Amino acid sequence: MAKGAVYINGELAGILEKKADSTYEFRYEDHYFVHEAFPPVSLTLPKSQQVYQSKDLFPFFFGLLAEGVNKDIQCRLLRIDEDDDFTRLLKTAGEDTIGAVTIKEMQ
């Protein structure tokens, strides 16, 4: 199971995980979930519930990935299968992302 810590403006917001059965789970951290001033990660992952599950990578996180030539370059340089979006997200969304969200790979 691979995991990534999801940060918003440097604040740990939650954990994104790919489960053994290839489903995905996003869970807001307790302190982030109860703090009313902290915004949701996205409009599609509102803080109305703490845990979200999906059979596909959540569209918001998929939207953080590079496309086209940049995707090809990332996959070649990092030796990542072009179809492994989750690994690519963990390896490339740790810094210099568009917007406030970063994802750091967890060991």
PDB file of N, CA and C in Angstrom:
ATOM      1  N   MET A   1       0.835  -1.178   0.000  1.00  0.00           N
ATOM      2  CA  MET A   1       0.000   0.000   0.000  1.00  0.00           C
ATOM      3  C   MET A   1       0.882   1.244   0.000  1.00  0.00           C
ATOM      4  N   ALA A   2       0.649   2.094  -0.957  1.00  0.00           N
ATOM      5  CA  ALA A   2       1.387   3.345  -1.057  1.00  0.00           C
ATOM      6  C   ALA A   2       0.554   4.461  -0.446  1.00  0.00           C
ATOM      7  N   LYS A   3       1.253   5.433   0.162  1.00  0.00           N
ATOM      8  CA  LYS A   3       0.564   6.534   0.832  1.00  0.00           C
ATOM      9  C   LYS A   3       1.245   7.852   0.527  1.00  0.00           C
ATOM     10  N   GLY A   4       0.441   8.903   0.551  1.00  0.00           N
ATOM     11  CA  GLY A   4       0.972  10.243   0.427  1.00  0.00           C
ATOM     12  C   GLY A   4       0.312  11.162   1.432  1.00  0.00           C
ATOM     13  N   ALA A   5       1.123  12.018   2.060  1.00  0.00           N
ATOM     14  CA  ALA A   5       0.602  13.021   2.984  1.00  0.00           C
ATOM     15  C   ALA A   5       0.194  14.234   2.162  1.00  0.00           C
ATOM     16  N   VAL A   6      -1.041  14.679   2.328  1.00  0.00           N
ATOM     17  CA  VAL A   6      -1.585  15.787   1.560  1.00  0.00           C
ATOM     18  C   VAL A   6      -1.528  17.053   2.405  1.00  0.00           C
ATOM     19  N   TYR A   7      -0.853  18.062   1.887  1.00  0.00           N
ATOM     20  CA  TYR A   7      -0.691  19.334   2.589  1.00  0.00           C
ATOM     21  C   TYR A   7      -1.398  20.451   1.837  1.00  0.00           C
ATOM     22  N   ILE A   8      -1.982  21.369   2.592  1.00  0.00           N
ATOM     23  CA  ILE A   8      -2.531  22.590   2.020  1.00  0.00           C
ATOM     24  C   ILE A   8      -1.799  23.749   2.679  1.00  0.00           C
ATOM     25  N   ASN A   9      -1.086  24.502   1.861  1.00  0.00           N
ATOM     26  CA  ASN A   9      -0.267  25.610   2.369  1.00  0.00           C
ATOM     27  C   ASN A   9       0.625  25.161   3.524  1.00  0.00           C
ATOM     28  N   GLY A  10       1.197  23.981   3.399  1.00  0.00           N
ATOM     29  CA  GLY A  10       2.124  23.473   4.402  1.00  0.00           C
ATOM     30  C   GLY A  10       1.475  22.808   5.602  1.00  0.00           C
ATOM     31  N   GLU A  11       0.161  22.824   5.691  1.00  0.00           N
ATOM     32  CA  GLU A  11      -0.569  22.208   6.812  1.00  0.00           C
ATOM     33  C   GLU A  11      -1.031  20.814   6.395  1.00  0.00           C
ATOM     34  N   LEU A  12      -0.707  19.802   7.214  1.00  0.00           N
ATOM     35  CA  LEU A  12      -1.131  18.442   6.911  1.00  0.00           C
ATOM     36  C   LEU A  12      -2.650  18.356   6.948  1.00  0.00           C
ATOM     37  N   ALA A  13      -3.250  18.063   5.797  1.00  0.00           N
ATOM     38  CA  ALA A  13      -4.704  18.001   5.689  1.00  0.00           C
ATOM     39  C   ALA A  13      -5.223  16.572   5.754  1.00  0.00           C
ATOM     40  N   GLY A  14      -4.456  15.622   5.213  1.00  0.00           N
ATOM     41  CA  GLY A  14      -4.937  14.250   5.212  1.00  0.00           C
ATOM     42  C   GLY A  14      -3.949  13.298   4.576  1.00  0.00           C
ATOM     43  N   ILE A  15      -4.401  12.052   4.454  1.00  0.00           N
ATOM     44  CA  ILE A  15      -3.585  10.990   3.888  1.00  0.00           C
ATOM     45  C   ILE A  15      -4.328  10.385   2.690  1.00  0.00           C
ATOM     46  N   LEU A  16      -3.609  10.292   1.578  1.00  0.00           N
ATOM     47  CA  LEU A  16      -4.130   9.645   0.386  1.00  0.00           C
ATOM     48  C   LEU A  16      -3.434   8.294   0.268  1.00  0.00           C
ATOM     49  N   GLU A  17      -4.223   7.232   0.099  1.00  0.00           N
ATOM     50  CA  GLU A  17      -3.648   5.882   0.106  1.00  0.00           C
ATOM     51  C   GLU A  17      -4.208   5.043  -1.027  1.00  0.00           C
ATOM     52  N   LYS A  18      -3.320   4.274  -1.646  1.00  0.00           N
ATOM     53  CA  LYS A  18      -3.752   3.247  -2.603  1.00  0.00           C
ATOM     54  C   LYS A  18      -3.713   1.917  -1.856  1.00  0.00           C
ATOM     55  N   LYS A  19      -4.866   1.310  -1.729  1.00  0.00           N
ATOM     56  CA  LYS A  19      -5.010   0.069  -0.965  1.00  0.00           C
ATOM     57  C   LYS A  19      -4.525  -1.139  -1.777  1.00  0.00           C
ATOM     58  N   ALA A  20      -4.375  -2.269  -1.110  1.00  0.00           N
ATOM     59  CA  ALA A  20      -3.904  -3.498  -1.752  1.00  0.00           C
ATOM     60  C   ALA A  20      -4.840  -3.947  -2.877  1.00  0.00           C
ATOM     61  N   ASP A  21      -6.128  -3.633  -2.755  1.00  0.00           N
ATOM     62  CA  ASP A  21      -7.089  -4.034  -3.795  1.00  0.00           C
ATOM     63  C   ASP A  21      -7.203  -2.987  -4.910  1.00  0.00           C
ATOM     64  N   SER A  22      -6.237  -2.044  -4.945  1.00  0.00           N
ATOM     65  CA  SER A  22      -6.156  -0.987  -5.960  1.00  0.00           C
ATOM     66  C   SER A  22      -7.280   0.036  -5.873  1.00  0.00           C
ATOM     67  N   THR A  23      -7.926   0.140  -4.717  1.00  0.00           N
ATOM     68  CA  THR A  23      -8.872   1.233  -4.497  1.00  0.00           C
ATOM     69  C   THR A  23      -8.123   2.353  -3.780  1.00  0.00           C
ATOM     70  N   TYR A  24      -8.725   3.517  -3.766  1.00  0.00           N
ATOM     71  CA  TYR A  24      -8.091   4.689  -3.166  1.00  0.00           C
ATOM     72  C   TYR A  24      -8.909   5.182  -1.989  1.00  0.00           C
ATOM     73  N   GLU A  25      -8.195   5.730  -1.000  1.00  0.00           N
ATOM     74  CA  GLU A  25      -8.856   6.315   0.161  1.00  0.00           C
ATOM     75  C   GLU A  25      -8.173   7.626   0.508  1.00  0.00           C
ATOM     76  N   PHE A  26      -8.995   8.650   0.726  1.00  0.00           N
ATOM     77  CA  PHE A  26      -8.487   9.906   1.260  1.00  0.00           C
ATOM     78  C   PHE A  26      -9.143  10.106   2.607  1.00  0.00           C
ATOM     79  N   ARG A  27      -8.320  10.383   3.616  1.00  0.00           N
ATOM     80  CA  ARG A  27      -8.825  10.594   4.974  1.00  0.00           C
ATOM     81  C   ARG A  27      -8.270  11.901   5.510  1.00  0.00           C
ATOM     82  N   TYR A  28      -9.175  12.806   5.897  1.00  0.00           N
ATOM     83  CA  TYR A  28      -8.749  14.033   6.558  1.00  0.00           C
ATOM     84  C   TYR A  28      -8.149  13.709   7.917  1.00  0.00           C
ATOM     85  N   GLU A  29      -7.057  14.353   8.254  1.00  0.00           N
ATOM     86  CA  GLU A  29      -6.479  14.238   9.590  1.00  0.00           C
ATOM     87  C   GLU A  29      -7.477  14.807  10.593  1.00  0.00           C
ATOM     88  N   ASP A  30      -7.535  14.238  11.790  1.00  0.00           N
ATOM     89  CA  ASP A  30      -8.514  14.653  12.799  1.00  0.00           C
ATOM     90  C   ASP A  30      -8.459  16.152  13.080  1.00  0.00           C
ATOM     91  N   HIS A  31      -7.254  16.682  13.333  1.00  0.00           N
ATOM     92  CA  HIS A  31      -7.137  18.102  13.685  1.00  0.00           C
ATOM     93  C   HIS A  31      -7.576  19.001  12.533  1.00  0.00           C
ATOM     94  N   TYR A  32      -7.319  18.568  11.317  1.00  0.00           N
ATOM     95  CA  TYR A  32      -7.680  19.371  10.150  1.00  0.00           C
ATOM     96  C   TYR A  32      -9.192  19.323   9.925  1.00  0.00           C
ATOM     97  N   PHE A  33      -9.761  18.157  10.104  1.00  0.00           N
ATOM     98  CA  PHE A  33     -11.187  17.962   9.866  1.00  0.00           C
ATOM     99  C   PHE A  33     -12.054  18.802  10.805  1.00  0.00           C
ATOM    100  N   VAL A  34     -11.673  18.885  12.071  1.00  0.00           N
ATOM    101  CA  VAL A  34     -12.507  19.600  13.049  1.00  0.00           C
ATOM    102  C   VAL A  34     -12.259  21.109  13.074  1.00  0.00           C
ATOM    103  N   HIS A  35     -11.160  21.567  12.507  1.00  0.00           N
ATOM    104  CA  HIS A  35     -10.824  22.989  12.513  1.00  0.00           C
ATOM    105  C   HIS A  35     -11.605  23.685  11.397  1.00  0.00           C
ATOM    106  N   GLU A  36     -12.587  24.494  11.771  1.00  0.00           N
ATOM    107  CA  GLU A  36     -13.486  25.111  10.795  1.00  0.00           C
ATOM    108  C   GLU A  36     -12.793  26.083   9.843  1.00  0.00           C
ATOM    109  N   ALA A  37     -11.691  26.663  10.262  1.00  0.00           N
ATOM    110  CA  ALA A  37     -11.009  27.646   9.422  1.00  0.00           C
ATOM    111  C   ALA A  37     -10.219  27.000   8.282  1.00  0.00           C
ATOM    112  N   PHE A  38      -9.902  25.719   8.398  1.00  0.00           N
ATOM    113  CA  PHE A  38      -9.148  25.040   7.343  1.00  0.00           C
ATOM    114  C   PHE A  38     -10.088  24.680   6.196  1.00  0.00           C
ATOM    115  N   PRO A  39      -9.699  25.004   4.964  1.00  0.00           N
ATOM    116  CA  PRO A  39     -10.569  24.712   3.816  1.00  0.00           C
ATOM    117  C   PRO A  39     -10.502  23.236   3.420  1.00  0.00           C
ATOM    118  N   PRO A  40     -11.501  22.766   2.685  1.00  0.00           N
ATOM    119  CA  PRO A  40     -11.421  21.402   2.169  1.00  0.00           C
ATOM    120  C   PRO A  40     -10.315  21.308   1.122  1.00  0.00           C
ATOM    121  N   VAL A  41      -9.850  20.107   0.871  1.00  0.00           N
ATOM    122  CA  VAL A  41      -8.822  19.892  -0.141  1.00  0.00           C
ATOM    123  C   VAL A  41      -9.339  20.323  -1.508  1.00  0.00           C
ATOM    124  N   SER A  42     -10.592  20.014  -1.785  1.00  0.00           N
ATOM    125  CA  SER A  42     -11.217  20.423  -3.047  1.00  0.00           C
ATOM    126  C   SER A  42     -12.726  20.467  -2.851  1.00  0.00           C
ATOM    127  N   LEU A  43     -13.423  21.006  -3.836  1.00  0.00           N
ATOM    128  CA  LEU A  43     -14.885  21.030  -3.773  1.00  0.00           C
ATOM    129  C   LEU A  43     -15.463  19.623  -3.859  1.00  0.00           C
ATOM    130  N   THR A  44     -14.722  18.718  -4.477  1.00  0.00           N
ATOM    131  CA  THR A  44     -15.196  17.340  -4.611  1.00  0.00           C
ATOM    132  C   THR A  44     -14.857  16.475  -3.400  1.00  0.00           C
ATOM    133  N   LEU A  45     -14.092  17.024  -2.449  1.00  0.00           N
ATOM    134  CA  LEU A  45     -13.763  16.333  -1.197  1.00  0.00           C
ATOM    135  C   LEU A  45     -14.095  17.262  -0.021  1.00  0.00           C
ATOM    136  N   PRO A  46     -15.380  17.621   0.121  1.00  0.00           N
ATOM    137  CA  PRO A  46     -15.751  18.565   1.185  1.00  0.00           C
ATOM    138  C   PRO A  46     -15.546  17.960   2.576  1.00  0.00           C
ATOM    139  N   LYS A  47     -15.469  18.822   3.551  1.00  0.00           N
ATOM    140  CA  LYS A  47     -15.268  18.366   4.931  1.00  0.00           C
ATOM    141  C   LYS A  47     -16.579  17.943   5.591  1.00  0.00           C
ATOM    142  N   SER A  48     -17.549  17.550   4.787  1.00  0.00           N
ATOM    143  CA  SER A  48     -18.802  17.020   5.329  1.00  0.00           C
ATOM    144  C   SER A  48     -18.644  15.567   5.767  1.00  0.00           C
ATOM    145  N   GLN A  49     -17.591  14.906   5.307  1.00  0.00           N
ATOM    146  CA  GLN A  49     -17.235  13.570   5.784  1.00  0.00           C
ATOM    147  C   GLN A  49     -15.724  13.486   5.862  1.00  0.00           C
ATOM    148  N   GLN A  50     -15.226  12.610   6.726  1.00  0.00           N
ATOM    149  CA  GLN A  50     -13.790  12.549   6.984  1.00  0.00           C
ATOM    150  C   GLN A  50     -13.057  11.590   6.061  1.00  0.00           C
ATOM    151  N   VAL A  51     -13.734  10.555   5.566  1.00  0.00           N
ATOM    152  CA  VAL A  51     -13.089   9.539   4.734  1.00  0.00           C
ATOM    153  C   VAL A  51     -13.826   9.413   3.403  1.00  0.00           C
ATOM    154  N   TYR A  52     -13.044   9.377   2.331  1.00  0.00           N
ATOM    155  CA  TYR A  52     -13.579   9.172   0.986  1.00  0.00           C
ATOM    156  C   TYR A  52     -12.899   7.962   0.370  1.00  0.00           C
ATOM    157  N   GLN A  53     -13.669   7.172  -0.365  1.00  0.00           N
ATOM    158  CA  GLN A  53     -13.111   6.004  -1.035  1.00  0.00           C
ATOM    159  C   GLN A  53     -13.547   6.022  -2.498  1.00  0.00           C
ATOM    160  N   SER A  54     -12.679   5.469  -3.357  1.00  0.00           N
ATOM    161  CA  SER A  54     -12.968   5.450  -4.786  1.00  0.00           C
ATOM    162  C   SER A  54     -12.228   4.298  -5.448  1.00  0.00           C
ATOM    163  N   LYS A  55     -12.800   3.780  -6.524  1.00  0.00           N
ATOM    164  CA  LYS A  55     -12.119   2.731  -7.273  1.00  0.00           C
ATOM    165  C   LYS A  55     -11.094   3.325  -8.226  1.00  0.00           C
ATOM    166  N   ASP A  56     -11.183   4.625  -8.480  1.00  0.00           N
ATOM    167  CA  ASP A  56     -10.237   5.343  -9.343  1.00  0.00           C
ATOM    168  C   ASP A  56      -9.564   6.447  -8.547  1.00  0.00           C
ATOM    169  N   LEU A  57      -8.405   6.888  -9.013  1.00  0.00           N
ATOM    170  CA  LEU A  57      -7.745   8.028  -8.380  1.00  0.00           C
ATOM    171  C   LEU A  57      -8.694   9.215  -8.431  1.00  0.00           C
ATOM    172  N   PHE A  58      -8.882   9.885  -7.304  1.00  0.00           N
ATOM    173  CA  PHE A  58      -9.812  11.005  -7.225  1.00  0.00           C
ATOM    174  C   PHE A  58      -9.476  12.049  -8.294  1.00  0.00           C
ATOM    175  N   PRO A  59     -10.486  12.548  -9.016  1.00  0.00           N
ATOM    176  CA  PRO A  59     -10.223  13.502 -10.102  1.00  0.00           C
ATOM    177  C   PRO A  59      -9.395  14.715  -9.686  1.00  0.00           C
ATOM    178  N   PHE A  60      -9.595  15.227  -8.482  1.00  0.00           N
ATOM    179  CA  PHE A  60      -8.811  16.381  -8.040  1.00  0.00           C
ATOM    180  C   PHE A  60      -7.318  16.057  -8.056  1.00  0.00           C
ATOM    181  N   PHE A  61      -6.945  14.906  -7.512  1.00  0.00           N
ATOM    182  CA  PHE A  61      -5.530  14.525  -7.461  1.00  0.00           C
ATOM    183  C   PHE A  61      -5.004  14.192  -8.854  1.00  0.00           C
ATOM    184  N   PHE A  62      -5.829  13.566  -9.688  1.00  0.00           N
ATOM    185  CA  PHE A  62      -5.435  13.283 -11.068  1.00  0.00           C
ATOM    186  C   PHE A  62      -5.130  14.587 -11.809  1.00  0.00           C
ATOM    187  N   GLY A  63      -5.873  15.634 -11.482  1.00  0.00           N
ATOM    188  CA  GLY A  63      -5.678  16.937 -12.115  1.00  0.00           C
ATOM    189  C   GLY A  63      -4.348  17.587 -11.779  1.00  0.00           C
ATOM    190  N   LEU A  64      -3.664  17.117 -10.762  1.00  0.00           N
ATOM    191  CA  LEU A  64      -2.347  17.658 -10.409  1.00  0.00           C
ATOM    192  C   LEU A  64      -1.227  17.085 -11.278  1.00  0.00           C
ATOM    193  N   LEU A  65      -1.543  16.070 -12.067  1.00  0.00           N
ATOM    194  CA  LEU A  65      -0.526  15.392 -12.872  1.00  0.00           C
ATOM    195  C   LEU A  65      -0.250  16.115 -14.187  1.00  0.00           C
ATOM    196  N   ALA A  66       0.991  16.037 -14.613  1.00  0.00           N
ATOM    197  CA  ALA A  66       1.386  16.581 -15.913  1.00  0.00           C
ATOM    198  C   ALA A  66       0.815  15.702 -17.022  1.00  0.00           C
ATOM    199  N   GLU A  67       0.685  16.301 -18.195  1.00  0.00           N
ATOM    200  CA  GLU A  67       0.167  15.573 -19.355  1.00  0.00           C
ATOM    201  C   GLU A  67       1.130  15.706 -20.522  1.00  0.00           C
ATOM    202  N   GLY A  68       0.870  14.945 -21.565  1.00  0.00           N
ATOM    203  CA  GLY A  68       1.600  15.076 -22.816  1.00  0.00           C
ATOM    204  C   GLY A  68       3.086  14.828 -22.688  1.00  0.00           C
ATOM    205  N   VAL A  69       3.859  15.730 -23.282  1.00  0.00           N
ATOM    206  CA  VAL A  69       5.312  15.591 -23.300  1.00  0.00           C
ATOM    207  C   VAL A  69       5.882  15.607 -21.887  1.00  0.00           C
ATOM    208  N   ASN A  70       5.336  16.447 -21.022  1.00  0.00           N
ATOM    209  CA  ASN A  70       5.840  16.505 -19.644  1.00  0.00           C
ATOM    210  C   ASN A  70       5.625  15.173 -18.923  1.00  0.00           C
ATOM    211  N   LYS A  71       4.497  14.536 -19.158  1.00  0.00           N
ATOM    212  CA  LYS A  71       4.246  13.214 -18.572  1.00  0.00           C
ATOM    213  C   LYS A  71       5.285  12.226 -19.082  1.00  0.00           C
ATOM    214  N   ASP A  72       5.523  12.250 -20.385  1.00  0.00           N
ATOM    215  CA  ASP A  72       6.504  11.334 -20.974  1.00  0.00           C
ATOM    216  C   ASP A  72       7.888  11.520 -20.353  1.00  0.00           C
ATOM    217  N   ILE A  73       8.278  12.771 -20.182  1.00  0.00           N
ATOM    218  CA  ILE A  73       9.593  13.073 -19.602  1.00  0.00           C
ATOM    219  C   ILE A  73       9.665  12.581 -18.158  1.00  0.00           C
ATOM    220  N   GLN A  74       8.632  12.866 -17.372  1.00  0.00           N
ATOM    221  CA  GLN A  74       8.607  12.419 -15.978  1.00  0.00           C
ATOM    222  C   GLN A  74       8.726  10.897 -15.888  1.00  0.00           C
ATOM    223  N   CYS A  75       7.944  10.207 -16.687  1.00  0.00           N
ATOM    224  CA  CYS A  75       7.949   8.742 -16.631  1.00  0.00           C
ATOM    225  C   CYS A  75       9.305   8.179 -17.034  1.00  0.00           C
ATOM    226  N   ARG A  76       9.918   8.769 -18.032  1.00  0.00           N
ATOM    227  CA  ARG A  76      11.225   8.273 -18.480  1.00  0.00           C
ATOM    228  C   ARG A  76      12.299   8.556 -17.432  1.00  0.00           C
ATOM    229  N   LEU A  77      12.344   9.790 -16.931  1.00  0.00           N
ATOM    230  CA  LEU A  77      13.379  10.164 -15.967  1.00  0.00           C
ATOM    231  C   LEU A  77      13.229   9.454 -14.625  1.00  0.00           C
ATOM    232  N   LEU A  78      11.997   9.273 -14.183  1.00  0.00           N
ATOM    233  CA  LEU A  78      11.749   8.647 -12.883  1.00  0.00           C
ATOM    234  C   LEU A  78      11.523   7.135 -12.983  1.00  0.00           C
ATOM    235  N   ARG A  79      11.555   6.636 -14.203  1.00  0.00           N
ATOM    236  CA  ARG A  79      11.339   5.206 -14.462  1.00  0.00           C
ATOM    237  C   ARG A  79      10.026   4.713 -13.857  1.00  0.00           C
ATOM    238  N   ILE A  80       8.960   5.402 -14.243  1.00  0.00           N
ATOM    239  CA  ILE A  80       7.612   5.087 -13.766  1.00  0.00           C
ATOM    240  C   ILE A  80       6.786   4.613 -14.958  1.00  0.00           C
ATOM    241  N   ASP A  81       6.010   3.577 -14.756  1.00  0.00           N
ATOM    242  CA  ASP A  81       5.083   3.112 -15.783  1.00  0.00           C
ATOM    243  C   ASP A  81       4.107   4.250 -16.109  1.00  0.00           C
ATOM    244  N   GLU A  82       3.884   4.505 -17.384  1.00  0.00           N
ATOM    245  CA  GLU A  82       3.002   5.596 -17.810  1.00  0.00           C
ATOM    246  C   GLU A  82       1.575   5.426 -17.304  1.00  0.00           C
ATOM    247  N   ASP A  83       1.171   4.210 -16.984  1.00  0.00           N
ATOM    248  CA  ASP A  83      -0.179   3.953 -16.491  1.00  0.00           C
ATOM    249  C   ASP A  83      -0.281   4.012 -14.971  1.00  0.00           C
ATOM    250  N   ASP A  84       0.834   4.249 -14.285  1.00  0.00           N
ATOM    251  CA  ASP A  84       0.840   4.282 -12.812  1.00  0.00           C
ATOM    252  C   ASP A  84       0.724   5.737 -12.330  1.00  0.00           C
ATOM    253  N   ASP A  85      -0.493   6.242 -12.388  1.00  0.00           N
ATOM    254  CA  ASP A  85      -0.731   7.639 -12.024  1.00  0.00           C
ATOM    255  C   ASP A  85      -0.441   7.921 -10.558  1.00  0.00           C
ATOM    256  N   PHE A  86      -0.729   6.966  -9.681  1.00  0.00           N
ATOM    257  CA  PHE A  86      -0.527   7.209  -8.257  1.00  0.00           C
ATOM    258  C   PHE A  86       0.956   7.373  -7.918  1.00  0.00           C
ATOM    259  N   THR A  87       1.795   6.508  -8.440  1.00  0.00           N
ATOM    260  CA  THR A  87       3.226   6.639  -8.194  1.00  0.00           C
ATOM    261  C   THR A  87       3.745   7.947  -8.770  1.00  0.00           C
ATOM    262  N   ARG A  88       3.278   8.301  -9.941  1.00  0.00           N
ATOM    263  CA  ARG A  88       3.706   9.560 -10.554  1.00  0.00           C
ATOM    264  C   ARG A  88       3.279  10.749  -9.689  1.00  0.00           C
ATOM    265  N   LEU A  89       2.077  10.687  -9.124  1.00  0.00           N
ATOM    266  CA  LEU A  89       1.607  11.744  -8.226  1.00  0.00           C
ATOM    267  C   LEU A  89       2.524  11.856  -7.015  1.00  0.00           C
ATOM    268  N   LEU A  90       2.855  10.730  -6.402  1.00  0.00           N
ATOM    269  CA  LEU A  90       3.711  10.743  -5.214  1.00  0.00           C
ATOM    270  C   LEU A  90       5.116  11.262  -5.523  1.00  0.00           C
ATOM    271  N   LYS A  91       5.611  10.977  -6.703  1.00  0.00           N
ATOM    272  CA  LYS A  91       6.982  11.365  -7.065  1.00  0.00           C
ATOM    273  C   LYS A  91       7.097  12.791  -7.589  1.00  0.00           C
ATOM    274  N   THR A  92       5.973  13.396  -8.010  1.00  0.00           N
ATOM    275  CA  THR A  92       6.075  14.707  -8.669  1.00  0.00           C
ATOM    276  C   THR A  92       5.292  15.835  -8.012  1.00  0.00           C
ATOM    277  N   ALA A  93       4.408  15.547  -7.068  1.00  0.00           N
ATOM    278  CA  ALA A  93       3.561  16.596  -6.499  1.00  0.00           C
ATOM    279  C   ALA A  93       4.029  17.061  -5.124  1.00  0.00           C
ATOM    280  N   GLY A  94       5.286  16.825  -4.799  1.00  0.00           N
ATOM    281  CA  GLY A  94       5.808  17.190  -3.487  1.00  0.00           C
ATOM    282  C   GLY A  94       6.190  18.645  -3.336  1.00  0.00           C
ATOM    283  N   GLU A  95       6.390  19.318  -4.450  1.00  0.00           N
ATOM    284  CA  GLU A  95       6.748  20.738  -4.412  1.00  0.00           C
ATOM    285  C   GLU A  95       6.482  21.338  -5.779  1.00  0.00           C
ATOM    286  N   ASP A  96       6.461  22.639  -5.838  1.00  0.00           N
ATOM    287  CA  ASP A  96       6.251  23.366  -7.094  1.00  0.00           C
ATOM    288  C   ASP A  96       4.991  22.939  -7.828  1.00  0.00           C
ATOM    289  N   THR A  97       3.903  22.746  -7.101  1.00  0.00           N
ATOM    290  CA  THR A  97       2.635  22.427  -7.750  1.00  0.00           C
ATOM    291  C   THR A  97       1.863  23.712  -7.997  1.00  0.00           C
ATOM    292  N   ILE A  98       0.918  23.635  -8.896  1.00  0.00           N
ATOM    293  CA  ILE A  98       0.028  24.776  -9.130  1.00  0.00           C
ATOM    294  C   ILE A  98      -0.997  24.766  -8.012  1.00  0.00           C
ATOM    295  N   GLY A  99      -1.115  25.848  -7.293  1.00  0.00           N
ATOM    296  CA  GLY A  99      -2.065  25.915  -6.198  1.00  0.00           C
ATOM    297  C   GLY A  99      -1.418  25.613  -4.856  1.00  0.00           C
ATOM    298  N   ALA A 100      -2.263  25.378  -3.867  1.00  0.00           N
ATOM    299  CA  ALA A 100      -1.811  25.258  -2.481  1.00  0.00           C
ATOM    300  C   ALA A 100      -1.535  23.826  -2.044  1.00  0.00           C
ATOM    301  N   VAL A 101      -1.907  22.840  -2.856  1.00  0.00           N
ATOM    302  CA  VAL A 101      -1.830  21.435  -2.438  1.00  0.00           C
ATOM    303  C   VAL A 101      -0.517  20.794  -2.889  1.00  0.00           C
ATOM    304  N   THR A 102       0.143  20.141  -1.942  1.00  0.00           N
ATOM    305  CA  THR A 102       1.314  19.323  -2.250  1.00  0.00           C
ATOM    306  C   THR A 102       1.096  17.938  -1.621  1.00  0.00           C
ATOM    307  N   ILE A 103       1.768  16.954  -2.203  1.00  0.00           N
ATOM    308  CA  ILE A 103       1.635  15.583  -1.707  1.00  0.00           C
ATOM    309  C   ILE A 103       3.019  15.003  -1.556  1.00  0.00           C
ATOM    310  N   LYS A 104       3.329  14.569  -0.350  1.00  0.00           N
ATOM    311  CA  LYS A 104       4.639  14.009  -0.057  1.00  0.00           C
ATOM    312  C   LYS A 104       4.526  12.516   0.201  1.00  0.00           C
ATOM    313  N   GLU A 105       5.334  11.761  -0.499  1.00  0.00           N
ATOM    314  CA  GLU A 105       5.309  10.309  -0.366  1.00  0.00           C
ATOM    315  C   GLU A 105       5.681   9.907   1.060  1.00  0.00           C
ATOM    316  N   MET A 106       4.934   8.931   1.588  1.00  0.00           N
ATOM    317  CA  MET A 106       5.183   8.410   2.928  1.00  0.00           C
ATOM    318  C   MET A 106       5.806   7.025   2.792  1.00  0.00           C
ATOM    319  N   GLN A 107       6.711   6.697   3.690  1.00  0.00           N
ATOM    320  CA  GLN A 107       7.355   5.387   3.657  1.00  0.00           C
ATOM    321  C   GLN A 107       6.637   4.412   4.538  1.00  0.00           C
TER     322      GLN A 107
END
